[in-house]
C-alpha atoms as a PDB file:
ATOM      1  CA  UNK A   1     -15.925  -2.156   1.343  1.00  0.00           C
ATOM      2  CA  UNK A   2     -17.941   1.192   0.093  1.00  0.00           C
ATOM      3  CA  UNK A   3     -20.613  -1.233  -1.943  1.00  0.00           C
ATOM      4  CA  UNK A   4     -21.296  -2.337   1.789  1.00  0.00           C
ATOM      5  CA  UNK A   5     -22.951   1.150   3.165  1.00  0.00           C
ATOM      6  CA  UNK A   6     -26.799   1.304   2.893  1.00  0.00           C
ATOM      7  CA  UNK A   7     -26.357   4.977   1.638  1.00  0.00           C
ATOM      8  CA  UNK A   8     -27.669   5.907  -2.272  1.00  0.00           C
ATOM      9  CA  UNK A   9     -24.471   5.566  -4.642  1.00  0.00           C
ATOM     10  CA  UNK A  10     -24.509   9.843  -5.761  1.00  0.00           C
ATOM     11  CA  UNK A  11     -23.479   9.871  -1.790  1.00  0.00           C
ATOM     12  CA  UNK A  12     -21.253   6.842  -1.472  1.00  0.00           C
ATOM     13  CA  UNK A  13     -19.112   7.747  -4.507  1.00  0.00           C
ATOM     14  CA  UNK A  14     -19.339  11.374  -2.836  1.00  0.00           C
ATOM     15  CA  UNK A  15     -17.814  10.119   0.004  1.00  0.00           C
ATOM     16  CA  UNK A  16     -15.188   8.508  -1.863  1.00  0.00           C
ATOM     17  CA  UNK A  17     -14.398  11.620  -3.410  1.00  0.00           C
ATOM     18  CA  UNK A  18     -13.941  13.635   0.320  1.00  0.00           C
ATOM     19  CA  UNK A  19     -11.648   9.989   1.448  1.00  0.00           C
ATOM     20  CA  UNK A  20      -9.535  10.945  -1.441  1.00  0.00           C
ATOM     21  CA  UNK A  21      -9.506  14.562  -0.684  1.00  0.00           C
ATOM     22  CA  UNK A  22      -8.487  14.535   2.963  1.00  0.00           C
ATOM     23  CA  UNK A  23      -5.580  11.518   1.087  1.00  0.00           C
ATOM     24  CA  UNK A  24      -2.303  12.844   0.435  1.00  0.00           C
ATOM     25  CA  UNK A  25      -1.097   9.697  -1.346  1.00  0.00           C
ATOM     26  CA  UNK A  26      -3.517   6.911  -3.232  1.00  0.00           C
ATOM     27  CA  UNK A  27      -3.270   3.836  -4.933  1.00  0.00           C
ATOM     28  CA  UNK A  28      -5.006   3.603  -7.807  1.00  0.00           C
ATOM     29  CA  UNK A  29      -4.887  -0.583  -7.813  1.00  0.00           C
ATOM     30  CA  UNK A  30      -6.338  -1.750 -11.115  1.00  0.00           C
ATOM     31  CA  UNK A  31      -7.934  -4.987 -11.629  1.00  0.00           C
ATOM     32  CA  UNK A  32      -8.577  -6.777 -14.999  1.00  0.00           C
ATOM     33  CA  UNK A  33     -12.764  -5.497 -14.524  1.00  0.00           C
ATOM     34  CA  UNK A  34     -11.840  -1.927 -13.594  1.00  0.00           C
ATOM     35  CA  UNK A  35     -13.136  -0.602 -16.388  1.00  0.00           C
ATOM     36  CA  UNK A  36     -16.152  -1.819 -15.945  1.00  0.00           C
ATOM     37  CA  UNK A  37     -16.835  -0.036 -12.699  1.00  0.00           C
ATOM     38  CA  UNK A  38     -18.099   3.812 -13.715  1.00  0.00           C
ATOM     39  CA  UNK A  39     -17.425   4.756 -10.126  1.00  0.00           C
ATOM     40  CA  UNK A  40     -13.687   3.081 -10.425  1.00  0.00           C
ATOM     41  CA  UNK A  41     -13.038   5.576 -13.067  1.00  0.00           C
ATOM     42  CA  UNK A  42     -14.495   8.889 -12.115  1.00  0.00           C
ATOM     43  CA  UNK A  43     -12.831   8.613  -8.966  1.00  0.00           C
ATOM     44  CA  UNK A  44      -9.251   7.899 -11.324  1.00  0.00           C
ATOM     45  CA  UNK A  45     -10.155  11.276 -12.953  1.00  0.00           C
ATOM     46  CA  UNK A  46     -10.742  12.889  -9.074  1.00  0.00           C
ATOM     47  CA  UNK A  47      -7.040  11.626  -8.579  1.00  0.00           C
ATOM     48  CA  UNK A  48      -5.985  12.989 -11.956  1.00  0.00           C
ATOM     49  CA  UNK A  49      -7.575  16.548 -11.265  1.00  0.00           C
ATOM     50  CA  UNK A  50      -5.513  16.894  -7.730  1.00  0.00           C
ATOM     51  CA  UNK A  51      -2.354  15.338  -8.862  1.00  0.00           C
ATOM     52  CA  UNK A  52      -2.499  17.970 -11.738  1.00  0.00           C
ATOM     53  CA  UNK A  53      -3.306  20.453  -8.664  1.00  0.00           C
ATOM     54  CA  UNK A  54       0.277  19.163  -6.364  1.00  0.00           C
ATOM     55  CA  UNK A  55      -2.206  17.934  -3.780  1.00  0.00           C
ATOM     56  CA  UNK A  56      -2.013  14.455  -4.099  1.00  0.00           C
ATOM     57  CA  UNK A  57       0.432  11.368  -5.004  1.00  0.00           C
ATOM     58  CA  UNK A  58      -1.484   8.841  -6.684  1.00  0.00           C
ATOM     59  CA  UNK A  59       0.756   4.878  -6.987  1.00  0.00           C
ATOM     60  CA  UNK A  60      -0.545   2.789  -9.964  1.00  0.00           C
ATOM     61  CA  UNK A  61      -0.464  -0.817  -8.489  1.00  0.00           C
ATOM     62  CA  UNK A  62      -1.576  -3.719 -11.235  1.00  0.00           C
ATOM     63  CA  UNK A  63      -3.145  -6.311  -9.332  1.00  0.00           C
ATOM     64  CA  UNK A  64      -3.685  -9.681 -11.598  1.00  0.00           C
ATOM     65  CA  UNK A  65      -3.693  -7.169 -14.791  1.00  0.00           C
ATOM     66  CA  UNK A  66      -0.359  -6.346 -16.796  1.00  0.00           C
ATOM     67  CA  UNK A  67       0.612  -3.054 -17.471  1.00  0.00           C
ATOM     68  CA  UNK A  68       0.740  -2.788 -21.231  1.00  0.00           C
ATOM     69  CA  UNK A  69      -3.003  -3.814 -21.085  1.00  0.00           C
ATOM     70  CA  UNK A  70      -4.088  -0.741 -18.713  1.00  0.00           C
ATOM     71  CA  UNK A  71      -1.489   1.617 -20.686  1.00  0.00           C
ATOM     72  CA  UNK A  72      -3.118   0.350 -23.937  1.00  0.00           C
ATOM     73  CA  UNK A  73      -6.757  -0.812 -22.603  1.00  0.00           C
ATOM     74  CA  UNK A  74      -5.905  -3.883 -24.598  1.00  0.00           C
ATOM     75  CA  UNK A  75      -6.801  -7.705 -23.252  1.00  0.00           C
ATOM     76  CA  UNK A  76      -9.693  -7.923 -20.718  1.00  0.00           C
ATOM     77  CA  UNK A  77      -8.989  -4.558 -19.300  1.00  0.00           C
ATOM     78  CA  UNK A  78      -9.630  -3.026 -23.153  1.00  0.00           C
ATOM     79  CA  UNK A  79     -12.670  -5.022 -23.218  1.00  0.00           C
ATOM     80  CA  UNK A  80     -14.367  -3.761 -20.226  1.00  0.00           C
ATOM     81  CA  UNK A  81     -13.325  -0.401 -20.753  1.00  0.00           C
ATOM     82  CA  UNK A  82     -14.976  -0.303 -24.231  1.00  0.00           C
ATOM     83  CA  UNK A  83     -18.051  -2.093 -22.670  1.00  0.00           C
ATOM     84  CA  UNK A  84     -18.461   0.959 -20.490  1.00  0.00           C
ATOM     85  CA  UNK A  85     -17.697   3.430 -23.788  1.00  0.00           C
ATOM     86  CA  UNK A  86     -20.585   2.027 -24.896  1.00  0.00           C
ATOM     87  CA  UNK A  87     -23.050   2.348 -21.844  1.00  0.00           C
ATOM     88  CA  UNK A  88     -21.852   5.612 -21.640  1.00  0.00           C
ATOM     89  CA  UNK A  89     -21.812   6.479 -24.790  1.00  0.00           C
ATOM     90  CA  UNK A  90     -24.907   9.382 -24.306  1.00  0.00           C
ATOM     91  CA  UNK A  91     -22.343  11.151 -22.012  1.00  0.00           C
ATOM     92  CA  UNK A  92     -18.696  11.621 -24.601  1.00  0.00           C
ATOM     93  CA  UNK A  93     -17.317  14.437 -21.745  1.00  0.00           C
ATOM     94  CA  UNK A  94     -17.613  12.131 -19.055  1.00  0.00           C
ATOM     95  CA  UNK A  95     -15.874   9.293 -21.540  1.00  0.00           C
ATOM     96  CA  UNK A  96     -13.226  11.505 -22.337  1.00  0.00           C
ATOM     97  CA  UNK A  97     -12.600  12.474 -19.018  1.00  0.00           C
ATOM     98  CA  UNK A  98     -12.051   8.328 -18.303  1.00  0.00           C
ATOM     99  CA  UNK A  99      -9.499   8.417 -20.950  1.00  0.00           C
ATOM    100  CA  UNK A 100      -7.300  11.304 -20.162  1.00  0.00           C
ATOM    101  CA  UNK A 101      -7.511  10.017 -16.648  1.00  0.00           C
ATOM    102  CA  UNK A 102      -6.405   6.972 -17.167  1.00  0.00           C
ATOM    103  CA  UNK A 103      -3.726   7.599 -20.266  1.00  0.00           C
ATOM    104  CA  UNK A 104      -2.971  10.318 -16.882  1.00  0.00           C
ATOM    105  CA  UNK A 105      -2.108   8.250 -13.826  1.00  0.00           C
ATOM    106  CA  UNK A 106      -0.939   4.801 -15.502  1.00  0.00           C
ATOM    107  CA  UNK A 107       1.855   6.866 -17.385  1.00  0.00           C
ATOM    108  CA  UNK A 108       2.870   9.540 -15.371  1.00  0.00           C
ATOM    109  CA  UNK A 109       5.177   6.624 -13.513  1.00  0.00           C
ATOM    110  CA  UNK A 110       6.262   3.133 -13.112  1.00  0.00           C
ATOM    111  CA  UNK A 111       3.737   1.882 -11.398  1.00  0.00           C
ATOM    112  CA  UNK A 112       4.235  -1.297  -8.501  1.00  0.00           C
ATOM    113  CA  UNK A 113       2.616  -4.847 -10.555  1.00  0.00           C
ATOM    114  CA  UNK A 114       1.671  -7.643  -9.143  1.00  0.00           C
ATOM    115  CA  UNK A 115       3.869  -9.590 -12.272  1.00  0.00           C
ATOM    116  CA  UNK A 116       7.313  -8.988 -11.325  1.00  0.00           C
ATOM    117  CA  UNK A 117       6.996 -10.545  -8.295  1.00  0.00           C
ATOM    118  CA  UNK A 118       7.274 -14.411  -6.883  1.00  0.00           C
ATOM    119  CA  UNK A 119       4.054 -14.164  -4.517  1.00  0.00           C
ATOM    120  CA  UNK A 120       1.299 -11.338  -3.302  1.00  0.00           C
ATOM    121  CA  UNK A 121       2.969 -11.170  -0.226  1.00  0.00           C
ATOM    122  CA  UNK A 122       6.068  -9.626  -2.098  1.00  0.00           C
ATOM    123  CA  UNK A 123       3.534  -6.417  -4.314  1.00  0.00           C
ATOM    124  CA  UNK A 124       2.216  -5.671  -0.208  1.00  0.00           C
ATOM    125  CA  UNK A 125       5.773  -4.833   0.404  1.00  0.00           C
ATOM    126  CA  UNK A 126       7.073  -3.191  -2.073  1.00  0.00           C
ATOM    127  CA  UNK A 127       3.840  -1.366  -2.080  1.00  0.00           C
ATOM    128  CA  UNK A 128       4.376  -0.272   1.892  1.00  0.00           C
ATOM    129  CA  UNK A 129       8.208   0.519   1.078  1.00  0.00           C
ATOM    130  CA  UNK A 130       6.995   2.962  -2.013  1.00  0.00           C
ATOM    131  CA  UNK A 131       4.201   4.774   0.311  1.00  0.00           C
ATOM    132  CA  UNK A 132       7.057   5.129   3.465  1.00  0.00           C
ATOM    133  CA  UNK A 133       9.294   6.425   0.578  1.00  0.00           C
ATOM    134  CA  UNK A 134       6.535   9.163  -0.293  1.00  0.00           C
ATOM    135  CA  UNK A 135       5.612  10.061   3.190  1.00  0.00           C
ATOM    136  CA  UNK A 136       7.586  13.573   4.485  1.00  0.00           C
ATOM    137  CA  UNK A 137       8.578  11.793   8.330  1.00  0.00           C
ATOM    138  CA  UNK A 138      10.021   9.216   5.601  1.00  0.00           C
ATOM    139  CA  UNK A 139      12.428  11.569   4.313  1.00  0.00           C
ATOM    140  CA  UNK A 140      13.591  13.181   8.264  1.00  0.00           C
ATOM    141  CA  UNK A 141      14.108   9.401   9.152  1.00  0.00           C
ATOM    142  CA  UNK A 142      16.373   8.168   6.391  1.00  0.00           C
ATOM    143  CA  UNK A 143      18.565  11.162   7.182  1.00  0.00           C
ATOM    144  CA  UNK A 144      19.047   9.195  10.717  1.00  0.00           C
ATOM    145  CA  UNK A 145      22.413   7.106  11.035  1.00  0.00           C
ATOM    146  CA  UNK A 146      20.871   3.467  10.613  1.00  0.00           C
ATOM    147  CA  UNK A 147      20.788   1.131  13.005  1.00  0.00           C
ATOM    148  CA  UNK A 148      23.556  -1.846  12.724  1.00  0.00           C
ATOM    149  CA  UNK A 149      22.633  -5.455  12.455  1.00  0.00           C
ATOM    150  CA  UNK A 150      24.731  -6.090  15.946  1.00  0.00           C
ATOM    151  CA  UNK A 151      23.822  -2.850  17.188  1.00  0.00           C
ATOM    152  CA  UNK A 152      20.093  -3.476  17.448  1.00  0.00           C
ATOM    153  CA  UNK A 153      21.178  -7.248  18.360  1.00  0.00           C
ATOM    154  CA  UNK A 154      23.167  -5.493  21.342  1.00  0.00           C
ATOM    155  CA  UNK A 155      20.212  -3.595  21.916  1.00  0.00           C
ATOM    156  CA  UNK A 156      17.435  -6.414  22.154  1.00  0.00           C
ATOM    157  CA  UNK A 157      19.653  -8.840  24.666  1.00  0.00           C
ATOM    158  CA  UNK A 158      20.574  -5.851  27.071  1.00  0.00           C
ATOM    159  CA  UNK A 159      16.750  -5.195  26.762  1.00  0.00           C
ATOM    160  CA  UNK A 160      15.882  -9.223  27.621  1.00  0.00           C
ATOM    161  CA  UNK A 161      17.995  -9.739  29.871  1.00  0.00           C
ATOM    162  CA  UNK A 162      16.796  -6.395  32.285  1.00  0.00           C
ATOM    163  CA  UNK A 163      13.164  -8.292  31.614  1.00  0.00           C
ATOM    164  CA  UNK A 164      15.473 -11.149  33.049  1.00  0.00           C
ATOM    165  CA  UNK A 165      16.608  -9.801  35.485  1.00  0.00           C
ATOM    166  CA  UNK A 166      14.037  -7.831  36.239  1.00  0.00           C
ATOM    167  CA  UNK A 167      10.820  -8.005  35.773  1.00  0.00           C
ATOM    168  CA  UNK A 168      10.827 -11.761  35.863  1.00  0.00           C
ATOM    169  CA  UNK A 169      11.094 -12.725  39.182  1.00  0.00           C
ATOM    170  CA  UNK A 170       8.369 -10.178  39.997  1.00  0.00           C
ATOM    171  CA  UNK A 171       5.836 -12.489  38.484  1.00  0.00           C
ATOM    172  CA  UNK A 172       7.132 -15.448  40.953  1.00  0.00           C
ATOM    173  CA  UNK A 173       6.687 -17.663  38.272  1.00  0.00           C
ATOM    174  CA  UNK A 174       7.454 -20.521  39.864  1.00  0.00           C
ATOM    175  CA  UNK A 175       8.310 -22.656  36.419  1.00  0.00           C
ATOM    176  CA  UNK A 176      10.442 -20.414  35.502  1.00  0.00           C
ATOM    177  CA  UNK A 177      14.546 -21.489  34.584  1.00  0.00           C
ATOM    178  CA  UNK A 178      17.242 -20.905  33.937  1.00  0.00           C
ATOM    179  CA  UNK A 179      16.564 -22.745  31.087  1.00  0.00           C
ATOM    180  CA  UNK A 180      14.006 -21.383  29.913  1.00  0.00           C
ATOM    181  CA  UNK A 181      15.634 -17.710  30.010  1.00  0.00           C
ATOM    182  CA  UNK A 182      18.256 -18.328  28.105  1.00  0.00           C
ATOM    183  CA  UNK A 183      16.226 -19.237  25.405  1.00  0.00           C
ATOM    184  CA  UNK A 184      14.628 -15.905  26.267  1.00  0.00           C
ATOM    185  CA  UNK A 185      18.371 -14.458  25.769  1.00  0.00           C
ATOM    186  CA  UNK A 186      19.255 -16.106  22.654  1.00  0.00           C
ATOM    187  CA  UNK A 187      16.124 -16.366  20.789  1.00  0.00           C
ATOM    188  CA  UNK A 188      14.450 -12.907  21.286  1.00  0.00           C
ATOM    189  CA  UNK A 189      17.472 -10.581  20.401  1.00  0.00           C
ATOM    190  CA  UNK A 190      17.498 -13.227  16.740  1.00  0.00           C
ATOM    191  CA  UNK A 191      14.142 -12.481  16.109  1.00  0.00           C
ATOM    192  CA  UNK A 192      14.475  -8.711  16.965  1.00  0.00           C
ATOM    193  CA  UNK A 193      17.567  -9.122  14.050  1.00  0.00           C
ATOM    194  CA  UNK A 194      15.462 -10.711  11.097  1.00  0.00           C
ATOM    195  CA  UNK A 195      12.663  -8.567  11.956  1.00  0.00           C
ATOM    196  CA  UNK A 196      15.340  -5.627  11.508  1.00  0.00           C
ATOM    197  CA  UNK A 197      16.606  -7.198   8.642  1.00  0.00           C
ATOM    198  CA  UNK A 198      12.823  -7.720   7.212  1.00  0.00           C
ATOM    199  CA  UNK A 199      11.610  -4.302   8.389  1.00  0.00           C
ATOM    200  CA  UNK A 200      14.180  -1.570   8.247  1.00  0.00           C
END
């Protein structure tokens, strides 16, 4: 997204740093070509710095790259990282900070890997679940009693019945018949139950 900005490279990088500083949780999404970008590596250094200060939680996400290749700097990820080291060999302090940040972020927590999932929708759900778990508000929510499937169905059925009884006649639609209302009364609560099962 940042590559579409028309500002200078340094301004873009600073804006990303600012956004990281404003965040509580950050996803570090590692791909095979992640390590060829000095900007990505600099952002990782910023994440490490804020994490050590206790201001940030970083979730490593390994996208189409093996976890061990990133952690051990092997495979295609390792090759690109070696190329970056050559390009910036005149800046040993920066290169060292990259190595330390990679080591700190990737080995500090388990992270999420696309390799473990059947399709690409599963890791998205895993990311949402992990972020939700880490959010302060979610901890309060987990203390509340969770509704059972039966309770969800009854509440959805009641809401649908009230809609059919009061709201639908107000629309004065001539094509509304008992069959359509019956389908609504049965179908909508089942849909709510399925969504509740998936999302909760």
